[in-house]
PDB file of N, CA and C in Angstrom:
ATOM      1  N   MET A   1     -19.018   2.084   0.606  1.00  0.00           N
ATOM      2  CA  MET A   1     -19.070   2.324   2.034  1.00  0.00           C
ATOM      3  C   MET A   1     -19.495   1.064   2.787  1.00  0.00           C
ATOM      4  N   LEU A   2     -20.432   0.337   2.187  1.00  0.00           N
ATOM      5  CA  LEU A   2     -20.896  -0.894   2.803  1.00  0.00           C
ATOM      6  C   LEU A   2     -19.778  -1.935   2.846  1.00  0.00           C
ATOM      7  N   ASN A   3     -18.959  -1.966   1.799  1.00  0.00           N
ATOM      8  CA  ASN A   3     -17.845  -2.921   1.768  1.00  0.00           C
ATOM      9  C   ASN A   3     -16.854  -2.667   2.895  1.00  0.00           C
ATOM     10  N   ILE A   4     -16.579  -1.400   3.169  1.00  0.00           N
ATOM     11  CA  ILE A   4     -15.652  -1.051   4.247  1.00  0.00           C
ATOM     12  C   ILE A   4     -16.225  -1.476   5.591  1.00  0.00           C
ATOM     13  N   ALA A   5     -17.521  -1.283   5.767  1.00  0.00           N
ATOM     14  CA  ALA A   5     -18.170  -1.700   7.012  1.00  0.00           C
ATOM     15  C   ALA A   5     -18.123  -3.221   7.169  1.00  0.00           C
ATOM     16  N   ILE A   6     -18.314  -3.944   6.080  1.00  0.00           N
ATOM     17  CA  ILE A   6     -18.249  -5.411   6.124  1.00  0.00           C
ATOM     18  C   ILE A   6     -16.849  -5.879   6.506  1.00  0.00           C
ATOM     19  N   ILE A   7     -15.833  -5.233   5.963  1.00  0.00           N
ATOM     20  CA  ILE A   7     -14.449  -5.590   6.302  1.00  0.00           C
ATOM     21  C   ILE A   7     -14.187  -5.317   7.780  1.00  0.00           C
ATOM     22  N   ALA A   8     -14.635  -4.172   8.274  1.00  0.00           N
ATOM     23  CA  ALA A   8     -14.413  -3.819   9.680  1.00  0.00           C
ATOM     24  C   ALA A   8     -15.146  -4.784  10.616  1.00  0.00           C
ATOM     25  N   VAL A   9     -16.378  -5.122  10.289  1.00  0.00           N
ATOM     26  CA  VAL A   9     -17.142  -6.052  11.129  1.00  0.00           C
ATOM     27  C   VAL A   9     -16.512  -7.438  11.095  1.00  0.00           C
ATOM     28  N   SER A  10     -16.064  -7.870   9.932  1.00  0.00           N
ATOM     29  CA  SER A  10     -15.408  -9.177   9.823  1.00  0.00           C
ATOM     30  C   SER A  10     -14.137  -9.232  10.672  1.00  0.00           C
ATOM     31  N   ALA A  11     -13.344  -8.174  10.616  1.00  0.00           N
ATOM     32  CA  ALA A  11     -12.120  -8.133  11.417  1.00  0.00           C
ATOM     33  C   ALA A  11     -12.446  -8.133  12.907  1.00  0.00           C
ATOM     34  N   ALA A  12     -13.488  -7.404  13.286  1.00  0.00           N
ATOM     35  CA  ALA A  12     -13.875  -7.367  14.695  1.00  0.00           C
ATOM     36  C   ALA A  12     -14.347  -8.736  15.180  1.00  0.00           C
ATOM     37  N   VAL A  13     -15.077  -9.453  14.348  1.00  0.00           N
ATOM     38  CA  VAL A  13     -15.538 -10.795  14.718  1.00  0.00           C
ATOM     39  C   VAL A  13     -14.359 -11.753  14.848  1.00  0.00           C
ATOM     40  N   ILE A  14     -13.415 -11.663  13.934  1.00  0.00           N
ATOM     41  CA  ILE A  14     -12.229 -12.526  14.006  1.00  0.00           C
ATOM     42  C   ILE A  14     -11.456 -12.261  15.288  1.00  0.00           C
ATOM     43  N   VAL A  15     -11.256 -10.997  15.628  1.00  0.00           N
ATOM     44  CA  VAL A  15     -10.553 -10.651  16.861  1.00  0.00           C
ATOM     45  C   VAL A  15     -11.344 -11.134  18.071  1.00  0.00           C
ATOM     46  N   TRP A  16     -12.651 -10.954  18.054  1.00  0.00           N
ATOM     47  CA  TRP A  16     -13.510 -11.371  19.168  1.00  0.00           C
ATOM     48  C   TRP A  16     -13.453 -12.880  19.378  1.00  0.00           C
ATOM     49  N   LEU A  17     -13.304 -13.640  18.290  1.00  0.00           N
ATOM     50  CA  LEU A  17     -13.249 -15.097  18.409  1.00  0.00           C
ATOM     51  C   LEU A  17     -11.867 -15.608  18.823  1.00  0.00           C
ATOM     52  N   GLU A  18     -10.819 -14.990  18.354  1.00  0.00           N
ATOM     53  CA  GLU A  18      -9.474 -15.537  18.535  1.00  0.00           C
ATOM     54  C   GLU A  18      -8.702 -14.952  19.712  1.00  0.00           C
ATOM     55  N   LEU A  19      -8.818 -13.663  19.936  1.00  0.00           N
ATOM     56  CA  LEU A  19      -7.969 -12.994  20.915  1.00  0.00           C
ATOM     57  C   LEU A  19      -8.168 -13.459  22.361  1.00  0.00           C
ATOM     58  N   PRO A  20      -9.381 -13.697  22.839  1.00  0.00           N
ATOM     59  CA  PRO A  20      -9.527 -14.131  24.237  1.00  0.00           C
ATOM     60  C   PRO A  20      -8.797 -15.439  24.552  1.00  0.00           C
ATOM     61  N   ARG A  21      -8.841 -16.393  23.640  1.00  0.00           N
ATOM     62  CA  ARG A  21      -8.132 -17.658  23.869  1.00  0.00           C
ATOM     63  C   ARG A  21      -6.627 -17.441  23.929  1.00  0.00           C
ATOM     64  N   MET A  22      -6.117 -16.612  23.035  1.00  0.00           N
ATOM     65  CA  MET A  22      -4.684 -16.340  23.025  1.00  0.00           C
ATOM     66  C   MET A  22      -4.250 -15.632  24.304  1.00  0.00           C
ATOM     67  N   LEU A  23      -5.061 -14.713  24.783  1.00  0.00           N
ATOM     68  CA  LEU A  23      -4.731 -14.026  26.031  1.00  0.00           C
ATOM     69  C   LEU A  23      -4.806 -14.978  27.219  1.00  0.00           C
ATOM     70  N   ARG A  24      -5.798 -15.850  27.228  1.00  0.00           N
ATOM     71  CA  ARG A  24      -5.960 -16.800  28.317  1.00  0.00           C
ATOM     72  C   ARG A  24      -4.771 -17.764  28.391  1.00  0.00           C
ATOM     73  N   GLU A  25      -4.288 -18.193  27.235  1.00  0.00           N
ATOM     74  CA  GLU A  25      -3.160 -19.120  27.192  1.00  0.00           C
ATOM     75  C   GLU A  25      -1.812 -18.404  27.152  1.00  0.00           C
ATOM     76  N   GLN A  26      -1.800 -17.092  27.255  1.00  0.00           N
ATOM     77  CA  GLN A  26      -0.606 -16.245  27.288  1.00  0.00           C
ATOM     78  C   GLN A  26       0.312 -16.496  26.085  1.00  0.00           C
ATOM     79  N   GLU A  27      -0.268 -16.534  24.924  1.00  0.00           N
ATOM     80  CA  GLU A  27       0.481 -16.727  23.677  1.00  0.00           C
ATOM     81  C   GLU A  27       0.813 -15.365  23.077  1.00  0.00           C
ATOM     82  N   TYR A  28       1.747 -14.688  23.685  1.00  0.00           N
ATOM     83  CA  TYR A  28       2.013 -13.303  23.303  1.00  0.00           C
ATOM     84  C   TYR A  28       2.684 -13.191  21.934  1.00  0.00           C
ATOM     85  N   ARG A  29       3.579 -14.103  21.598  1.00  0.00           N
ATOM     86  CA  ARG A  29       4.189 -14.046  20.267  1.00  0.00           C
ATOM     87  C   ARG A  29       3.161 -14.323  19.183  1.00  0.00           C
ATOM     88  N   GLU A  30       2.247 -15.244  19.450  1.00  0.00           N
ATOM     89  CA  GLU A  30       1.195 -15.531  18.489  1.00  0.00           C
ATOM     90  C   GLU A  30       0.243 -14.354  18.332  1.00  0.00           C
ATOM     91  N   ILE A  31       0.028 -13.630  19.418  1.00  0.00           N
ATOM     92  CA  ILE A  31      -0.833 -12.439  19.345  1.00  0.00           C
ATOM     93  C   ILE A  31      -0.212 -11.401  18.419  1.00  0.00           C
ATOM     94  N   TRP A  32       1.102 -11.189  18.541  1.00  0.00           N
ATOM     95  CA  TRP A  32       1.768 -10.219  17.662  1.00  0.00           C
ATOM     96  C   TRP A  32       1.686 -10.649  16.204  1.00  0.00           C
ATOM     97  N   GLY A  33       1.899 -11.933  15.937  1.00  0.00           N
ATOM     98  CA  GLY A  33       1.771 -12.430  14.568  1.00  0.00           C
ATOM     99  C   GLY A  33       0.350 -12.316  14.055  1.00  0.00           C
ATOM    100  N   PHE A  34      -0.617 -12.660  14.903  1.00  0.00           N
ATOM    101  CA  PHE A  34      -2.030 -12.565  14.547  1.00  0.00           C
ATOM    102  C   PHE A  34      -2.401 -11.131  14.190  1.00  0.00           C
ATOM    103  N   ILE A  35      -1.984 -10.201  15.018  1.00  0.00           N
ATOM    104  CA  ILE A  35      -2.300  -8.786  14.770  1.00  0.00           C
ATOM    105  C   ILE A  35      -1.613  -8.301  13.491  1.00  0.00           C
ATOM    106  N   ALA A  36      -0.352  -8.701  13.287  1.00  0.00           N
ATOM    107  CA  ALA A  36       0.371  -8.269  12.091  1.00  0.00           C
ATOM    108  C   ALA A  36      -0.318  -8.767  10.825  1.00  0.00           C
ATOM    109  N   PHE A  37      -0.661 -10.055  10.791  1.00  0.00           N
ATOM    110  CA  PHE A  37      -1.313 -10.591   9.601  1.00  0.00           C
ATOM    111  C   PHE A  37      -2.718 -10.029   9.415  1.00  0.00           C
ATOM    112  N   LEU A  38      -3.413  -9.780  10.509  1.00  0.00           N
ATOM    113  CA  LEU A  38      -4.748  -9.192  10.410  1.00  0.00           C
ATOM    114  C   LEU A  38      -4.675  -7.772   9.853  1.00  0.00           C
ATOM    115  N   VAL A  39      -3.715  -6.999  10.304  1.00  0.00           N
ATOM    116  CA  VAL A  39      -3.562  -5.627   9.803  1.00  0.00           C
ATOM    117  C   VAL A  39      -3.184  -5.640   8.325  1.00  0.00           C
ATOM    118  N   ILE A  40      -2.295  -6.555   7.933  1.00  0.00           N
ATOM    119  CA  ILE A  40      -1.933  -6.667   6.515  1.00  0.00           C
ATOM    120  C   ILE A  40      -3.153  -7.053   5.682  1.00  0.00           C
ATOM    121  N   GLY A  41      -3.917  -8.022   6.166  1.00  0.00           N
ATOM    122  CA  GLY A  41      -5.107  -8.450   5.434  1.00  0.00           C
ATOM    123  C   GLY A  41      -6.155  -7.361   5.330  1.00  0.00           C
ATOM    124  N   ILE A  42      -6.368  -6.630   6.423  1.00  0.00           N
ATOM    125  CA  ILE A  42      -7.328  -5.526   6.396  1.00  0.00           C
ATOM    126  C   ILE A  42      -6.843  -4.437   5.438  1.00  0.00           C
ATOM    127  N   GLY A  43      -5.554  -4.143   5.473  1.00  0.00           N
ATOM    128  CA  GLY A  43      -5.013  -3.115   4.576  1.00  0.00           C
ATOM    129  C   GLY A  43      -5.171  -3.477   3.113  1.00  0.00           C
ATOM    130  N   ILE A  44      -4.883  -4.729   2.772  1.00  0.00           N
ATOM    131  CA  ILE A  44      -5.041  -5.165   1.384  1.00  0.00           C
ATOM    132  C   ILE A  44      -6.514  -5.138   0.982  1.00  0.00           C
ATOM    133  N   SER A  45      -7.378  -5.595   1.863  1.00  0.00           N
ATOM    134  CA  SER A  45      -8.812  -5.599   1.555  1.00  0.00           C
ATOM    135  C   SER A  45      -9.345  -4.189   1.361  1.00  0.00           C
ATOM    136  N   LEU A  46      -8.936  -3.271   2.227  1.00  0.00           N
ATOM    137  CA  LEU A  46      -9.385  -1.885   2.080  1.00  0.00           C
ATOM    138  C   LEU A  46      -8.830  -1.254   0.813  1.00  0.00           C
ATOM    139  N   ALA A  47      -7.581  -1.559   0.485  1.00  0.00           N
ATOM    140  CA  ALA A  47      -6.992  -1.010  -0.740  1.00  0.00           C
ATOM    141  C   ALA A  47      -7.733  -1.512  -1.973  1.00  0.00           C
ATOM    142  N   GLN A  48      -8.086  -2.798  -1.976  1.00  0.00           N
ATOM    143  CA  GLN A  48      -8.838  -3.329  -3.114  1.00  0.00           C
ATOM    144  C   GLN A  48     -10.240  -2.747  -3.178  1.00  0.00           C
ATOM    145  N   THR A  49     -10.817  -2.437  -2.036  1.00  0.00           N
ATOM    146  CA  THR A  49     -12.160  -1.861  -2.018  1.00  0.00           C
ATOM    147  C   THR A  49     -12.150  -0.405  -2.472  1.00  0.00           C
ATOM    148  N   ILE A  50     -11.192   0.358  -1.990  1.00  0.00           N
ATOM    149  CA  ILE A  50     -11.158   1.790  -2.295  1.00  0.00           C
ATOM    150  C   ILE A  50     -10.608   2.048  -3.699  1.00  0.00           C
ATOM    151  N   PHE A  51      -9.494   1.406  -4.028  1.00  0.00           N
ATOM    152  CA  PHE A  51      -8.863   1.587  -5.337  1.00  0.00           C
ATOM    153  C   PHE A  51      -9.182   0.364  -6.184  1.00  0.00           C
ATOM    154  N   ASN A  52     -10.083   0.516  -7.128  1.00  0.00           N
ATOM    155  CA  ASN A  52     -10.530  -0.623  -7.924  1.00  0.00           C
ATOM    156  C   ASN A  52      -9.494  -1.099  -8.927  1.00  0.00           C
ATOM    157  N   ASP A  53      -8.522  -0.272  -9.256  1.00  0.00           N
ATOM    158  CA  ASP A  53      -7.595  -0.595 -10.332  1.00  0.00           C
ATOM    159  C   ASP A  53      -6.187  -0.850  -9.794  1.00  0.00           C
ATOM    160  N   ILE A  54      -6.037  -1.776  -8.856  1.00  0.00           N
ATOM    161  CA  ILE A  54      -4.720  -2.122  -8.326  1.00  0.00           C
ATOM    162  C   ILE A  54      -4.105  -3.167  -9.249  1.00  0.00           C
ATOM    163  N   PRO A  55      -2.892  -2.920  -9.747  1.00  0.00           N
ATOM    164  CA  PRO A  55      -2.284  -3.904 -10.644  1.00  0.00           C
ATOM    165  C   PRO A  55      -1.908  -5.186  -9.897  1.00  0.00           C
ATOM    166  N   THR A  56      -1.965  -6.283 -10.613  1.00  0.00           N
ATOM    167  CA  THR A  56      -1.618  -7.569 -10.032  1.00  0.00           C
ATOM    168  C   THR A  56      -0.135  -7.852 -10.271  1.00  0.00           C
ATOM    169  N   PRO A  57       0.436  -8.816  -9.577  1.00  0.00           N
ATOM    170  CA  PRO A  57       1.835  -9.178  -9.833  1.00  0.00           C
ATOM    171  C   PRO A  57       2.064  -9.679 -11.251  1.00  0.00           C
ATOM    172  N   VAL A  58       1.038 -10.205 -11.887  1.00  0.00           N
ATOM    173  CA  VAL A  58       1.183 -10.704 -13.254  1.00  0.00           C
ATOM    174  C   VAL A  58       1.527  -9.562 -14.206  1.00  0.00           C
ATOM    175  N   SER A  59       0.966  -8.385 -13.991  1.00  0.00           N
ATOM    176  CA  SER A  59       1.286  -7.257 -14.867  1.00  0.00           C
ATOM    177  C   SER A  59       2.747  -6.846 -14.716  1.00  0.00           C
ATOM    178  N   LEU A  60       3.295  -6.916 -13.511  1.00  0.00           N
ATOM    179  CA  LEU A  60       4.709  -6.611 -13.308  1.00  0.00           C
ATOM    180  C   LEU A  60       5.589  -7.652 -14.010  1.00  0.00           C
ATOM    181  N   ILE A  61       5.226  -8.915 -13.909  1.00  0.00           N
ATOM    182  CA  ILE A  61       5.986  -9.977 -14.583  1.00  0.00           C
ATOM    183  C   ILE A  61       5.941  -9.778 -16.095  1.00  0.00           C
ATOM    184  N   THR A  62       4.795  -9.380 -16.617  1.00  0.00           N
ATOM    185  CA  THR A  62       4.654  -9.122 -18.050  1.00  0.00           C
ATOM    186  C   THR A  62       5.562  -7.975 -18.478  1.00  0.00           C
ATOM    187  N   ILE A  63       5.606  -6.916 -17.688  1.00  0.00           N
ATOM    188  CA  ILE A  63       6.455  -5.772 -18.022  1.00  0.00           C
ATOM    189  C   ILE A  63       7.929  -6.175 -18.024  1.00  0.00           C
ATOM    190  N   VAL A  64       8.321  -7.014 -17.082  1.00  0.00           N
ATOM    191  CA  VAL A  64       9.725  -7.416 -16.976  1.00  0.00           C
ATOM    192  C   VAL A  64      10.120  -8.343 -18.124  1.00  0.00           C
ATOM    193  N   PHE A  65       9.273  -9.317 -18.460  1.00  0.00           N
ATOM    194  CA  PHE A  65       9.659 -10.330 -19.426  1.00  0.00           C
ATOM    195  C   PHE A  65       9.270 -10.022 -20.863  1.00  0.00           C
ATOM    196  N   LYS A  66       8.536  -8.962 -21.120  1.00  0.00           N
ATOM    197  CA  LYS A  66       8.144  -8.608 -22.487  1.00  0.00           C
ATOM    198  C   LYS A  66       9.363  -8.326 -23.375  1.00  0.00           C
ATOM    199  N   PRO A  67      10.360  -7.555 -22.941  1.00  0.00           N
ATOM    200  CA  PRO A  67      11.537  -7.349 -23.792  1.00  0.00           C
ATOM    201  C   PRO A  67      12.299  -8.652 -24.064  1.00  0.00           C
ATOM    202  N   PHE A  68      12.362  -9.522 -23.069  1.00  0.00           N
ATOM    203  CA  PHE A  68      13.045 -10.803 -23.255  1.00  0.00           C
ATOM    204  C   PHE A  68      12.309 -11.661 -24.282  1.00  0.00           C
ATOM    205  N   SER A  69      10.999 -11.668 -24.223  1.00  0.00           N
ATOM    206  CA  SER A  69      10.191 -12.409 -25.180  1.00  0.00           C
ATOM    207  C   SER A  69      10.378 -11.845 -26.587  1.00  0.00           C
ATOM    208  N   HIS A  70      10.412 -10.524 -26.687  1.00  0.00           N
ATOM    209  CA  HIS A  70      10.631  -9.886 -27.988  1.00  0.00           C
ATOM    210  C   HIS A  70      12.011 -10.251 -28.537  1.00  0.00           C
ATOM    211  N   TRP A  71      13.002 -10.266 -27.686  1.00  0.00           N
ATOM    212  CA  TRP A  71      14.361 -10.609 -28.099  1.00  0.00           C
ATOM    213  C   TRP A  71      14.428 -12.061 -28.587  1.00  0.00           C
ATOM    214  N   LEU A  72      13.769 -12.975 -27.882  1.00  0.00           N
ATOM    215  CA  LEU A  72      13.756 -14.375 -28.304  1.00  0.00           C
ATOM    216  C   LEU A  72      13.021 -14.553 -29.633  1.00  0.00           C
ATOM    217  N   SER A  73      11.966 -13.786 -29.857  1.00  0.00           N
ATOM    218  CA  SER A  73      11.232 -13.913 -31.117  1.00  0.00           C
ATOM    219  C   SER A  73      12.017 -13.314 -32.272  1.00  0.00           C
ATOM    220  N   MET A  74      12.892 -12.350 -32.015  1.00  0.00           N
ATOM    221  CA  MET A  74      13.733 -11.786 -33.071  1.00  0.00           C
ATOM    222  C   MET A  74      14.697 -12.831 -33.602  1.00  0.00           C
ATOM    223  N   PHE A  75      15.193 -13.702 -32.744  1.00  0.00           N
ATOM    224  CA  PHE A  75      16.133 -14.741 -33.161  1.00  0.00           C
ATOM    225  C   PHE A  75      15.436 -16.012 -33.610  1.00  0.00           C
ATOM    226  N   GLY A  76      14.121 -16.023 -33.585  1.00  0.00           N
ATOM    227  CA  GLY A  76      13.363 -17.173 -34.051  1.00  0.00           C
ATOM    228  C   GLY A  76      13.311 -18.319 -33.056  1.00  0.00           C
ATOM    229  N   LEU A  77      13.627 -18.057 -31.805  1.00  0.00           N
ATOM    230  CA  LEU A  77      13.621 -19.113 -30.817  1.00  0.00           C
ATOM    231  C   LEU A  77      12.204 -19.410 -30.302  1.00  0.00           C
ATOM    232  N   ILE A  78      11.317 -18.417 -30.383  1.00  0.00           N
ATOM    233  CA  ILE A  78       9.907 -18.635 -30.068  1.00  0.00           C
ATOM    234  C   ILE A  78       9.073 -17.951 -31.122  1.00  0.00           C
ATOM    235  N   GLN A  79       7.820 -18.321 -31.204  1.00  0.00           N
ATOM    236  CA  GLN A  79       6.957 -17.711 -32.217  1.00  0.00           C
ATOM    237  C   GLN A  79       5.961 -16.799 -31.601  1.00  0.00           C
TER     238      GLN A  79
END
């Protein structure tokens, strides 16, 4: 629960520091990009906090290339 609060406070501080300048300089496209990346980052952080066992991309690569590695070792091309 504390981790979720830390993520929320961190996001609020980032918005508090960055958004007023962007609004003052009327950088509306940058605001949309900023919000999109912030929401993605908050979502990933919350997912890692709530679900401790999220697989990494390395596990997907291992699943994909394991049969290929086995096939190469059958022909003696790798050990």
